[in-house]
């Protein structure tokens, strides 16, 4: 996770939110354990669990139990929540960071 420090403030920030980082981690490995997602994002396991619940409720993820593990399916057609980007689909962002083409043609920018 690349961080920058604002000049003279000591505050650090990133361009992507933890929600985006969790979604990207799961897109890269849909069978990743929440513990590993949390480690890769730099949050607690409880925070990762909360974020996954948010993403599921928002329709960005579906979770299925396979044996003792969860398997996640990412919805690339989901739209960004902020009004400034609401006309874009998350599949384009996922493709940018995973190197994959959007799986769904509807996920390509309009």
PDB file of N, CA and C in Angstrom:
ATOM      1  N   UNK A   1       0.847  -1.164   0.000  1.00  0.00           N
ATOM      2  CA  UNK A   1       0.000   0.000   0.000  1.00  0.00           C
ATOM      3  C   UNK A   1       0.896   1.231   0.000  1.00  0.00           C
ATOM      4  N   UNK A   2       0.827   2.002  -1.056  1.00  0.00           N
ATOM      5  CA  UNK A   2       1.640   3.209  -1.172  1.00  0.00           C
ATOM      6  C   UNK A   2       0.987   4.347  -0.405  1.00  0.00           C
ATOM      7  N   UNK A   3       1.766   4.997   0.420  1.00  0.00           N
ATOM      8  CA  UNK A   3       1.247   6.110   1.199  1.00  0.00           C
ATOM      9  C   UNK A   3       2.073   7.348   0.934  1.00  0.00           C
ATOM     10  N   UNK A   4       1.430   8.481   1.047  1.00  0.00           N
ATOM     11  CA  UNK A   4       2.101   9.763   0.932  1.00  0.00           C
ATOM     12  C   UNK A   4       1.829  10.550   2.186  1.00  0.00           C
ATOM     13  N   UNK A   5       2.766  11.385   2.576  1.00  0.00           N
ATOM     14  CA  UNK A   5       2.573  12.241   3.726  1.00  0.00           C
ATOM     15  C   UNK A   5       2.370  13.654   3.226  1.00  0.00           C
ATOM     16  N   UNK A   6       1.271  14.256   3.649  1.00  0.00           N
ATOM     17  CA  UNK A   6       1.009  15.644   3.267  1.00  0.00           C
ATOM     18  C   UNK A   6       2.102  16.511   3.866  1.00  0.00           C
ATOM     19  N   UNK A   7       2.608  17.438   3.075  1.00  0.00           N
ATOM     20  CA  UNK A   7       3.734  18.282   3.491  1.00  0.00           C
ATOM     21  C   UNK A   7       3.454  18.971   4.820  1.00  0.00           C
ATOM     22  N   UNK A   8       4.277  18.644   5.801  1.00  0.00           N
ATOM     23  CA  UNK A   8       4.221  19.322   7.087  1.00  0.00           C
ATOM     24  C   UNK A   8       3.097  18.891   8.010  1.00  0.00           C
ATOM     25  N   UNK A   9       2.185  18.027   7.585  1.00  0.00           N
ATOM     26  CA  UNK A   9       1.067  17.660   8.451  1.00  0.00           C
ATOM     27  C   UNK A   9       1.294  16.356   9.189  1.00  0.00           C
ATOM     28  N   UNK A  10       2.143  15.473   8.644  1.00  0.00           N
ATOM     29  CA  UNK A  10       2.372  14.182   9.273  1.00  0.00           C
ATOM     30  C   UNK A  10       1.243  13.195   9.023  1.00  0.00           C
ATOM     31  N   UNK A  11       0.204  13.619   8.292  1.00  0.00           N
ATOM     32  CA  UNK A  11      -0.913  12.728   7.984  1.00  0.00           C
ATOM     33  C   UNK A  11      -0.598  11.943   6.718  1.00  0.00           C
ATOM     34  N   UNK A  12      -0.987  10.695   6.714  1.00  0.00           N
ATOM     35  CA  UNK A  12      -0.790   9.909   5.504  1.00  0.00           C
ATOM     36  C   UNK A  12      -2.154   9.540   4.939  1.00  0.00           C
ATOM     37  N   UNK A  13      -2.175   9.317   3.622  1.00  0.00           N
ATOM     38  CA  UNK A  13      -3.424   8.990   2.955  1.00  0.00           C
ATOM     39  C   UNK A  13      -3.119   8.162   1.715  1.00  0.00           C
ATOM     40  N   UNK A  14      -4.150   7.535   1.174  1.00  0.00           N
ATOM     41  CA  UNK A  14      -4.009   6.778  -0.061  1.00  0.00           C
ATOM     42  C   UNK A  14      -5.149   7.162  -0.996  1.00  0.00           C
ATOM     43  N   UNK A  15      -4.972   6.896  -2.282  1.00  0.00           N
ATOM     44  CA  UNK A  15      -6.014   7.206  -3.258  1.00  0.00           C
ATOM     45  C   UNK A  15      -7.179   6.226  -3.163  1.00  0.00           C
ATOM     46  N   UNK A  16      -6.907   4.983  -2.827  1.00  0.00           N
ATOM     47  CA  UNK A  16      -7.959   3.987  -2.736  1.00  0.00           C
ATOM     48  C   UNK A  16      -8.332   3.737  -1.281  1.00  0.00           C
ATOM     49  N   UNK A  17      -9.599   3.503  -1.043  1.00  0.00           N
ATOM     50  CA  UNK A  17     -10.082   3.214   0.307  1.00  0.00           C
ATOM     51  C   UNK A  17      -9.784   1.761   0.671  1.00  0.00           C
ATOM     52  N   UNK A  18      -9.974   1.446   1.933  1.00  0.00           N
ATOM     53  CA  UNK A  18      -9.822   0.057   2.363  1.00  0.00           C
ATOM     54  C   UNK A  18     -10.855  -0.840   1.679  1.00  0.00           C
ATOM     55  N   UNK A  19     -12.039  -0.300   1.391  1.00  0.00           N
ATOM     56  CA  UNK A  19     -13.044  -1.085   0.669  1.00  0.00           C
ATOM     57  C   UNK A  19     -12.513  -1.482  -0.712  1.00  0.00           C
ATOM     58  N   UNK A  20     -11.887  -0.546  -1.399  1.00  0.00           N
ATOM     59  CA  UNK A  20     -11.319  -0.851  -2.718  1.00  0.00           C
ATOM     60  C   UNK A  20     -10.191  -1.863  -2.592  1.00  0.00           C
ATOM     61  N   UNK A  21      -9.348  -1.724  -1.578  1.00  0.00           N
ATOM     62  CA  UNK A  21      -8.242  -2.666  -1.391  1.00  0.00           C
ATOM     63  C   UNK A  21      -8.759  -4.072  -1.105  1.00  0.00           C
ATOM     64  N   UNK A  22      -9.802  -4.193  -0.292  1.00  0.00           N
ATOM     65  CA  UNK A  22     -10.377  -5.508   0.001  1.00  0.00           C
ATOM     66  C   UNK A  22     -10.974  -6.110  -1.264  1.00  0.00           C
ATOM     67  N   UNK A  23     -11.720  -5.318  -2.027  1.00  0.00           N
ATOM     68  CA  UNK A  23     -12.311  -5.809  -3.265  1.00  0.00           C
ATOM     69  C   UNK A  23     -11.232  -6.269  -4.240  1.00  0.00           C
ATOM     70  N   UNK A  24     -10.157  -5.519  -4.345  1.00  0.00           N
ATOM     71  CA  UNK A  24      -9.048  -5.910  -5.223  1.00  0.00           C
ATOM     72  C   UNK A  24      -8.377  -7.197  -4.754  1.00  0.00           C
ATOM     73  N   UNK A  25      -8.159  -7.320  -3.457  1.00  0.00           N
ATOM     74  CA  UNK A  25      -7.530  -8.533  -2.928  1.00  0.00           C
ATOM     75  C   UNK A  25      -8.384  -9.753  -3.243  1.00  0.00           C
ATOM     76  N   UNK A  26      -9.687  -9.620  -3.077  1.00  0.00           N
ATOM     77  CA  UNK A  26     -10.585 -10.736  -3.348  1.00  0.00           C
ATOM     78  C   UNK A  26     -10.679 -11.006  -4.850  1.00  0.00           C
ATOM     79  N   UNK A  27     -10.654  -9.965  -5.658  1.00  0.00           N
ATOM     80  CA  UNK A  27     -10.679 -10.156  -7.118  1.00  0.00           C
ATOM     81  C   UNK A  27      -9.444 -10.919  -7.577  1.00  0.00           C
ATOM     82  N   UNK A  28      -8.319 -10.675  -6.934  1.00  0.00           N
ATOM     83  CA  UNK A  28      -7.077 -11.365  -7.291  1.00  0.00           C
ATOM     84  C   UNK A  28      -7.092 -12.820  -6.857  1.00  0.00           C
ATOM     85  N   UNK A  29      -7.737 -13.088  -5.713  1.00  0.00           N
ATOM     86  CA  UNK A  29      -7.800 -14.459  -5.186  1.00  0.00           C
ATOM     87  C   UNK A  29      -9.139 -14.660  -4.492  1.00  0.00           C
ATOM     88  N   UNK A  30     -10.137 -15.162  -5.214  1.00  0.00           N
ATOM     89  CA  UNK A  30     -11.488 -15.308  -4.664  1.00  0.00           C
ATOM     90  C   UNK A  30     -11.621 -16.309  -3.522  1.00  0.00           C
ATOM     91  N   UNK A  31     -10.583 -17.090  -3.257  1.00  0.00           N
ATOM     92  CA  UNK A  31     -10.639 -18.044  -2.145  1.00  0.00           C
ATOM     93  C   UNK A  31      -9.780 -17.592  -0.966  1.00  0.00           C
ATOM     94  N   UNK A  32      -9.287 -16.372  -1.019  1.00  0.00           N
ATOM     95  CA  UNK A  32      -8.425 -15.850   0.034  1.00  0.00           C
ATOM     96  C   UNK A  32      -9.170 -15.801   1.375  1.00  0.00           C
ATOM     97  N   UNK A  33      -8.491 -16.246   2.434  1.00  0.00           N
ATOM     98  CA  UNK A  33      -9.071 -16.174   3.773  1.00  0.00           C
ATOM     99  C   UNK A  33      -9.125 -14.723   4.231  1.00  0.00           C
ATOM    100  N   UNK A  34     -10.122 -14.386   5.040  1.00  0.00           N
ATOM    101  CA  UNK A  34     -10.246 -13.017   5.541  1.00  0.00           C
ATOM    102  C   UNK A  34      -8.998 -12.575   6.302  1.00  0.00           C
ATOM    103  N   UNK A  35      -8.376 -13.494   6.993  1.00  0.00           N
ATOM    104  CA  UNK A  35      -7.139 -13.177   7.715  1.00  0.00           C
ATOM    105  C   UNK A  35      -6.078 -12.677   6.734  1.00  0.00           C
ATOM    106  N   UNK A  36      -5.986 -13.344   5.576  1.00  0.00           N
ATOM    107  CA  UNK A  36      -5.004 -12.952   4.566  1.00  0.00           C
ATOM    108  C   UNK A  36      -5.394 -11.655   3.871  1.00  0.00           C
ATOM    109  N   UNK A  37      -6.696 -11.466   3.649  1.00  0.00           N
ATOM    110  CA  UNK A  37      -7.177 -10.201   3.094  1.00  0.00           C
ATOM    111  C   UNK A  37      -6.794  -9.064   4.030  1.00  0.00           C
ATOM    112  N   UNK A  38      -7.061  -9.247   5.314  1.00  0.00           N
ATOM    113  CA  UNK A  38      -6.746  -8.215   6.307  1.00  0.00           C
ATOM    114  C   UNK A  38      -5.258  -7.898   6.314  1.00  0.00           C
ATOM    115  N   UNK A  39      -4.423  -8.921   6.274  1.00  0.00           N
ATOM    116  CA  UNK A  39      -2.972  -8.713   6.261  1.00  0.00           C
ATOM    117  C   UNK A  39      -2.527  -7.950   5.011  1.00  0.00           C
ATOM    118  N   UNK A  40      -3.095  -8.306   3.861  1.00  0.00           N
ATOM    119  CA  UNK A  40      -2.662  -7.652   2.622  1.00  0.00           C
ATOM    120  C   UNK A  40      -3.114  -6.199   2.563  1.00  0.00           C
ATOM    121  N   UNK A  41      -4.240  -5.890   3.179  1.00  0.00           N
ATOM    122  CA  UNK A  41      -4.771  -4.522   3.161  1.00  0.00           C
ATOM    123  C   UNK A  41      -4.182  -3.679   4.293  1.00  0.00           C
ATOM    124  N   UNK A  42      -3.810  -4.331   5.382  1.00  0.00           N
ATOM    125  CA  UNK A  42      -3.269  -3.601   6.525  1.00  0.00           C
ATOM    126  C   UNK A  42      -4.346  -3.170   7.507  1.00  0.00           C
ATOM    127  N   UNK A  43      -5.398  -4.015   7.622  1.00  0.00           N
ATOM    128  CA  UNK A  43      -6.469  -3.756   8.580  1.00  0.00           C
ATOM    129  C   UNK A  43      -6.617  -4.980   9.464  1.00  0.00           C
ATOM    130  N   UNK A  44      -7.438  -4.856  10.489  1.00  0.00           N
ATOM    131  CA  UNK A  44      -7.698  -6.011  11.345  1.00  0.00           C
ATOM    132  C   UNK A  44      -8.628  -6.980  10.630  1.00  0.00           C
ATOM    133  N   UNK A  45      -8.658  -8.203  11.109  1.00  0.00           N
ATOM    134  CA  UNK A  45      -9.550  -9.198  10.523  1.00  0.00           C
ATOM    135  C   UNK A  45     -11.011  -8.775  10.709  1.00  0.00           C
ATOM    136  N   UNK A  46     -11.310  -8.184  11.843  1.00  0.00           N
ATOM    137  CA  UNK A  46     -12.672  -7.698  12.094  1.00  0.00           C
ATOM    138  C   UNK A  46     -13.052  -6.596  11.105  1.00  0.00           C
ATOM    139  N   UNK A  47     -12.116  -5.692  10.798  1.00  0.00           N
ATOM    140  CA  UNK A  47     -12.380  -4.631   9.826  1.00  0.00           C
ATOM    141  C   UNK A  47     -12.595  -5.232   8.443  1.00  0.00           C
ATOM    142  N   UNK A  48     -11.798  -6.219   8.076  1.00  0.00           N
ATOM    143  CA  UNK A  48     -11.956  -6.880   6.785  1.00  0.00           C
ATOM    144  C   UNK A  48     -13.318  -7.554   6.696  1.00  0.00           C
ATOM    145  N   UNK A  49     -13.726  -8.174   7.779  1.00  0.00           N
ATOM    146  CA  UNK A  49     -15.042  -8.832   7.818  1.00  0.00           C
ATOM    147  C   UNK A  49     -16.160  -7.806   7.639  1.00  0.00           C
ATOM    148  N   UNK A  50     -16.042  -6.672   8.273  1.00  0.00           N
ATOM    149  CA  UNK A  50     -17.031  -5.605   8.153  1.00  0.00           C
ATOM    150  C   UNK A  50     -17.079  -5.050   6.723  1.00  0.00           C
ATOM    151  N   UNK A  51     -15.904  -4.873   6.131  1.00  0.00           N
ATOM    152  CA  UNK A  51     -15.826  -4.366   4.757  1.00  0.00           C
ATOM    153  C   UNK A  51     -16.448  -5.362   3.787  1.00  0.00           C
ATOM    154  N   UNK A  52     -16.155  -6.651   3.958  1.00  0.00           N
ATOM    155  CA  UNK A  52     -16.748  -7.673   3.098  1.00  0.00           C
ATOM    156  C   UNK A  52     -18.266  -7.651   3.238  1.00  0.00           C
ATOM    157  N   UNK A  53     -18.767  -7.487   4.450  1.00  0.00           N
ATOM    158  CA  UNK A  53     -20.215  -7.398   4.659  1.00  0.00           C
ATOM    159  C   UNK A  53     -20.790  -6.183   3.931  1.00  0.00           C
ATOM    160  N   UNK A  54     -20.097  -5.045   3.988  1.00  0.00           N
ATOM    161  CA  UNK A  54     -20.527  -3.848   3.254  1.00  0.00           C
ATOM    162  C   UNK A  54     -20.566  -4.116   1.749  1.00  0.00           C
ATOM    163  N   UNK A  55     -19.513  -4.746   1.240  1.00  0.00           N
ATOM    164  CA  UNK A  55     -19.423  -5.026  -0.193  1.00  0.00           C
ATOM    165  C   UNK A  55     -20.503  -6.016  -0.639  1.00  0.00           C
ATOM    166  N   UNK A  56     -20.799  -6.986   0.221  1.00  0.00           N
ATOM    167  CA  UNK A  56     -21.890  -7.922  -0.085  1.00  0.00           C
ATOM    168  C   UNK A  56     -23.232  -7.194  -0.096  1.00  0.00           C
ATOM    169  N   UNK A  57     -23.478  -6.383   0.912  1.00  0.00           N
ATOM    170  CA  UNK A  57     -24.744  -5.648   1.001  1.00  0.00           C
ATOM    171  C   UNK A  57     -24.910  -4.691  -0.177  1.00  0.00           C
ATOM    172  N   UNK A  58     -23.810  -4.148  -0.675  1.00  0.00           N
ATOM    173  CA  UNK A  58     -23.843  -3.230  -1.804  1.00  0.00           C
ATOM    174  C   UNK A  58     -23.921  -3.921  -3.153  1.00  0.00           C
ATOM    175  N   UNK A  59     -23.858  -5.248  -3.161  1.00  0.00           N
ATOM    176  CA  UNK A  59     -23.960  -5.996  -4.407  1.00  0.00           C
ATOM    177  C   UNK A  59     -22.657  -6.130  -5.174  1.00  0.00           C
ATOM    178  N   UNK A  60     -21.536  -5.808  -4.545  1.00  0.00           N
ATOM    179  CA  UNK A  60     -20.237  -5.907  -5.212  1.00  0.00           C
ATOM    180  C   UNK A  60     -19.630  -7.297  -5.106  1.00  0.00           C
ATOM    181  N   UNK A  61     -20.065  -8.065  -4.112  1.00  0.00           N
ATOM    182  CA  UNK A  61     -19.542  -9.412  -3.853  1.00  0.00           C
ATOM    183  C   UNK A  61     -20.686 -10.361  -3.538  1.00  0.00           C
ATOM    184  N   UNK A  62     -20.456 -11.634  -3.843  1.00  0.00           N
ATOM    185  CA  UNK A  62     -21.299 -12.711  -3.343  1.00  0.00           C
ATOM    186  C   UNK A  62     -20.365 -13.717  -2.690  1.00  0.00           C
ATOM    187  N   UNK A  63     -20.843 -14.297  -1.589  1.00  0.00           N
ATOM    188  CA  UNK A  63     -20.030 -15.271  -0.860  1.00  0.00           C
ATOM    189  C   UNK A  63     -20.734 -16.615  -0.882  1.00  0.00           C
ATOM    190  N   UNK A  64     -19.968 -17.654  -1.135  1.00  0.00           N
ATOM    191  CA  UNK A  64     -20.495 -19.021  -1.091  1.00  0.00           C
ATOM    192  C   UNK A  64     -19.535 -19.856  -0.259  1.00  0.00           C
ATOM    193  N   UNK A  65     -20.087 -20.689   0.566  1.00  0.00           N
ATOM    194  CA  UNK A  65     -19.281 -21.579   1.392  1.00  0.00           C
ATOM    195  C   UNK A  65     -18.915 -22.803   0.567  1.00  0.00           C
ATOM    196  N   UNK A  66     -17.611 -23.093   0.469  1.00  0.00           N
ATOM    197  CA  UNK A  66     -17.123 -24.278  -0.241  1.00  0.00           C
ATOM    198  C   UNK A  66     -16.252 -25.041   0.755  1.00  0.00           C
ATOM    199  N   UNK A  67     -16.818 -26.114   1.289  1.00  0.00           N
ATOM    200  CA  UNK A  67     -16.090 -26.845   2.327  1.00  0.00           C
ATOM    201  C   UNK A  67     -15.936 -25.982   3.567  1.00  0.00           C
ATOM    202  N   UNK A  68     -14.713 -25.809   3.991  1.00  0.00           N
ATOM    203  CA  UNK A  68     -14.437 -25.006   5.186  1.00  0.00           C
ATOM    204  C   UNK A  68     -14.084 -23.557   4.837  1.00  0.00           C
ATOM    205  N   UNK A  69     -14.110 -23.216   3.552  1.00  0.00           N
ATOM    206  CA  UNK A  69     -13.675 -21.877   3.132  1.00  0.00           C
ATOM    207  C   UNK A  69     -14.789 -21.158   2.406  1.00  0.00           C
ATOM    208  N   UNK A  70     -14.619 -19.854   2.315  1.00  0.00           N
ATOM    209  CA  UNK A  70     -15.526 -19.040   1.518  1.00  0.00           C
ATOM    210  C   UNK A  70     -14.935 -18.853   0.129  1.00  0.00           C
ATOM    211  N   UNK A  71     -15.807 -18.782  -0.848  1.00  0.00           N
ATOM    212  CA  UNK A  71     -15.412 -18.452  -2.208  1.00  0.00           C
ATOM    213  C   UNK A  71     -16.226 -17.226  -2.589  1.00  0.00           C
ATOM    214  N   UNK A  72     -15.541 -16.198  -3.065  1.00  0.00           N
ATOM    215  CA  UNK A  72     -16.190 -14.944  -3.388  1.00  0.00           C
ATOM    216  C   UNK A  72     -16.297 -14.772  -4.895  1.00  0.00           C
ATOM    217  N   UNK A  73     -17.391 -14.175  -5.322  1.00  0.00           N
ATOM    218  CA  UNK A  73     -17.593 -13.804  -6.715  1.00  0.00           C
ATOM    219  C   UNK A  73     -17.779 -12.295  -6.745  1.00  0.00           C
ATOM    220  N   UNK A  74     -16.943 -11.622  -7.514  1.00  0.00           N
ATOM    221  CA  UNK A  74     -17.005 -10.164  -7.625  1.00  0.00           C
ATOM    222  C   UNK A  74     -17.953  -9.799  -8.760  1.00  0.00           C
ATOM    223  N   UNK A  75     -18.772  -8.789  -8.534  1.00  0.00           N
ATOM    224  CA  UNK A  75     -19.692  -8.286  -9.544  1.00  0.00           C
ATOM    225  C   UNK A  75     -19.038  -7.098 -10.251  1.00  0.00           C
ATOM    226  N   UNK A  76     -18.448  -7.303 -11.437  1.00  0.00           N
ATOM    227  CA  UNK A  76     -17.753  -6.213 -12.113  1.00  0.00           C
ATOM    228  C   UNK A  76     -18.696  -5.142 -12.665  1.00  0.00           C
ATOM    229  N   UNK A  77     -19.992  -5.437 -12.715  1.00  0.00           N
ATOM    230  CA  UNK A  77     -20.949  -4.470 -13.248  1.00  0.00           C
ATOM    231  C   UNK A  77     -21.415  -3.472 -12.202  1.00  0.00           C
ATOM    232  N   UNK A  78     -20.990  -3.662 -10.937  1.00  0.00           N
ATOM    233  CA  UNK A  78     -21.373  -2.723  -9.887  1.00  0.00           C
ATOM    234  C   UNK A  78     -20.865  -1.318 -10.186  1.00  0.00           C
ATOM    235  N   UNK A  79     -21.644  -0.346  -9.856  1.00  0.00           N
ATOM    236  CA  UNK A  79     -21.289   1.057 -10.102  1.00  0.00           C
ATOM    237  C   UNK A  79     -20.615   1.654  -8.871  1.00  0.00           C
ATOM    238  N   UNK A  80     -19.754   2.634  -9.114  1.00  0.00           N
ATOM    239  CA  UNK A  80     -19.155   3.366  -8.004  1.00  0.00           C
ATOM    240  C   UNK A  80     -20.243   4.121  -7.251  1.00  0.00           C
ATOM    241  N   UNK A  81     -20.058   4.310  -5.972  1.00  0.00           N
ATOM    242  CA  UNK A  81     -21.079   4.915  -5.125  1.00  0.00           C
ATOM    243  C   UNK A  81     -21.062   6.436  -5.145  1.00  0.00           C
ATOM    244  N   UNK A  82     -19.912   7.037  -5.354  1.00  0.00           N
ATOM    245  CA  UNK A  82     -19.828   8.498  -5.328  1.00  0.00           C
ATOM    246  C   UNK A  82     -20.442   9.068  -6.602  1.00  0.00           C
ATOM    247  N   UNK A  83     -21.247  10.128  -6.489  1.00  0.00           N
ATOM    248  CA  UNK A  83     -21.911  10.691  -7.674  1.00  0.00           C
ATOM    249  C   UNK A  83     -20.947  11.086  -8.800  1.00  0.00           C
ATOM    250  N   UNK A  84     -19.741  11.473  -8.462  1.00  0.00           N
ATOM    251  CA  UNK A  84     -18.782  11.889  -9.487  1.00  0.00           C
ATOM    252  C   UNK A  84     -18.330  10.725 -10.370  1.00  0.00           C
ATOM    253  N   UNK A  85     -18.407   9.489  -9.860  1.00  0.00           N
ATOM    254  CA  UNK A  85     -17.991   8.312 -10.626  1.00  0.00           C
ATOM    255  C   UNK A  85     -19.126   7.322 -10.850  1.00  0.00           C
ATOM    256  N   UNK A  86     -20.346   7.678 -10.509  1.00  0.00           N
ATOM    257  CA  UNK A  86     -21.472   6.739 -10.550  1.00  0.00           C
ATOM    258  C   UNK A  86     -21.760   6.197 -11.949  1.00  0.00           C
ATOM    259  N   UNK A  87     -21.253   6.858 -12.974  1.00  0.00           N
ATOM    260  CA  UNK A  87     -21.476   6.364 -14.334  1.00  0.00           C
ATOM    261  C   UNK A  87     -20.436   5.321 -14.747  1.00  0.00           C
ATOM    262  N   UNK A  88     -19.508   4.997 -13.860  1.00  0.00           N
ATOM    263  CA  UNK A  88     -18.458   4.010 -14.134  1.00  0.00           C
ATOM    264  C   UNK A  88     -18.719   2.726 -13.343  1.00  0.00           C
ATOM    265  N   UNK A  89     -18.222   1.617 -13.880  1.00  0.00           N
ATOM    266  CA  UNK A  89     -18.375   0.325 -13.212  1.00  0.00           C
ATOM    267  C   UNK A  89     -17.052  -0.083 -12.566  1.00  0.00           C
ATOM    268  N   UNK A  90     -17.144  -0.817 -11.458  1.00  0.00           N
ATOM    269  CA  UNK A  90     -15.940  -1.219 -10.736  1.00  0.00           C
ATOM    270  C   UNK A  90     -15.088  -2.206 -11.520  1.00  0.00           C
ATOM    271  N   UNK A  91     -15.675  -2.900 -12.486  1.00  0.00           N
ATOM    272  CA  UNK A  91     -14.914  -3.851 -13.289  1.00  0.00           C
ATOM    273  C   UNK A  91     -13.740  -3.213 -13.991  1.00  0.00           C
ATOM    274  N   UNK A  92     -13.895  -1.958 -14.413  1.00  0.00           N
ATOM    275  CA  UNK A  92     -12.793  -1.257 -15.080  1.00  0.00           C
ATOM    276  C   UNK A  92     -11.640  -1.021 -14.109  1.00  0.00           C
ATOM    277  N   UNK A  93     -11.952  -0.667 -12.869  1.00  0.00           N
ATOM    278  CA  UNK A  93     -10.904  -0.473 -11.853  1.00  0.00           C
ATOM    279  C   UNK A  93     -10.226  -1.798 -11.542  1.00  0.00           C
ATOM    280  N   UNK A  94     -11.021  -2.840 -11.378  1.00  0.00           N
ATOM    281  CA  UNK A  94     -10.451  -4.153 -11.089  1.00  0.00           C
ATOM    282  C   UNK A  94      -9.529  -4.600 -12.218  1.00  0.00           C
ATOM    283  N   UNK A  95      -9.953  -4.390 -13.459  1.00  0.00           N
ATOM    284  CA  UNK A  95      -9.129  -4.775 -14.604  1.00  0.00           C
ATOM    285  C   UNK A  95      -7.818  -4.002 -14.621  1.00  0.00           C
ATOM    286  N   UNK A  96      -7.873  -2.734 -14.253  1.00  0.00           N
ATOM    287  CA  UNK A  96      -6.674  -1.903 -14.219  1.00  0.00           C
ATOM    288  C   UNK A  96      -5.631  -2.468 -13.252  1.00  0.00           C
ATOM    289  N   UNK A  97      -6.082  -2.910 -12.088  1.00  0.00           N
ATOM    290  CA  UNK A  97      -5.148  -3.370 -11.059  1.00  0.00           C
ATOM    291  C   UNK A  97      -4.846  -4.857 -11.101  1.00  0.00           C
ATOM    292  N   UNK A  98      -5.717  -5.649 -11.711  1.00  0.00           N
ATOM    293  CA  UNK A  98      -5.450  -7.084 -11.777  1.00  0.00           C
ATOM    294  C   UNK A  98      -4.824  -7.481 -13.100  1.00  0.00           C
ATOM    295  N   UNK A  99      -4.899  -6.587 -14.101  1.00  0.00           N
ATOM    296  CA  UNK A  99      -4.349  -6.890 -15.411  1.00  0.00           C
ATOM    297  C   UNK A  99      -5.278  -7.719 -16.269  1.00  0.00           C
ATOM    298  N   UNK A 100      -6.463  -8.009 -15.759  1.00  0.00           N
ATOM    299  CA  UNK A 100      -7.446  -8.789 -16.506  1.00  0.00           C
ATOM    300  C   UNK A 100      -8.365  -7.854 -17.277  1.00  0.00           C
ATOM    301  N   UNK A 101      -8.911  -8.384 -18.352  1.00  0.00           N
ATOM    302  CA  UNK A 101      -9.963  -7.654 -19.058  1.00  0.00           C
ATOM    303  C   UNK A 101     -11.236  -7.794 -18.236  1.00  0.00           C
ATOM    304  N   UNK A 102     -12.093  -6.796 -18.232  1.00  0.00           N
ATOM    305  CA  UNK A 102     -13.373  -6.963 -17.538  1.00  0.00           C
ATOM    306  C   UNK A 102     -14.098  -8.183 -18.077  1.00  0.00           C
ATOM    307  N   UNK A 103     -14.565  -9.060 -17.180  1.00  0.00           N
ATOM    308  CA  UNK A 103     -15.215 -10.298 -17.574  1.00  0.00           C
ATOM    309  C   UNK A 103     -16.553 -10.044 -18.264  1.00  0.00           C
ATOM    310  N   UNK A 104     -17.197  -8.987 -17.881  1.00  0.00           N
ATOM    311  CA  UNK A 104     -18.526  -8.663 -18.393  1.00  0.00           C
ATOM    312  C   UNK A 104     -18.388  -7.443 -19.298  1.00  0.00           C
ATOM    313  N   UNK A 105     -18.839  -7.521 -20.554  1.00  0.00           N
ATOM    314  CA  UNK A 105     -18.734  -6.351 -21.436  1.00  0.00           C
ATOM    315  C   UNK A 105     -19.417  -5.131 -20.846  1.00  0.00           C
ATOM    316  N   UNK A 106     -20.426  -5.327 -20.004  1.00  0.00           N
ATOM    317  CA  UNK A 106     -21.114  -4.200 -19.377  1.00  0.00           C
ATOM    318  C   UNK A 106     -20.210  -3.506 -18.369  1.00  0.00           C
ATOM    319  N   UNK A 107     -19.108  -4.143 -17.959  1.00  0.00           N
ATOM    320  CA  UNK A 107     -18.211  -3.561 -16.973  1.00  0.00           C
ATOM    321  C   UNK A 107     -17.262  -2.539 -17.598  1.00  0.00           C
ATOM    322  N   UNK A 108     -17.214  -2.517 -18.926  1.00  0.00           N
ATOM    323  CA  UNK A 108     -16.353  -1.533 -19.593  1.00  0.00           C
ATOM    324  C   UNK A 108     -16.978  -0.155 -19.470  1.00  0.00           C
ATOM    325  N   UNK A 109     -16.153   0.894 -19.384  1.00  0.00           N
ATOM    326  CA  UNK A 109     -16.716   2.232 -19.257  1.00  0.00           C
ATOM    327  C   UNK A 109     -17.642   2.538 -20.421  1.00  0.00           C
ATOM    328  N   UNK A 110     -18.698   3.288 -20.131  1.00  0.00           N
ATOM    329  CA  UNK A 110     -19.669   3.676 -21.160  1.00  0.00           C
ATOM    330  C   UNK A 110     -19.108   4.742 -22.066  1.00  0.00           C
TER     331      UNK A 110
END
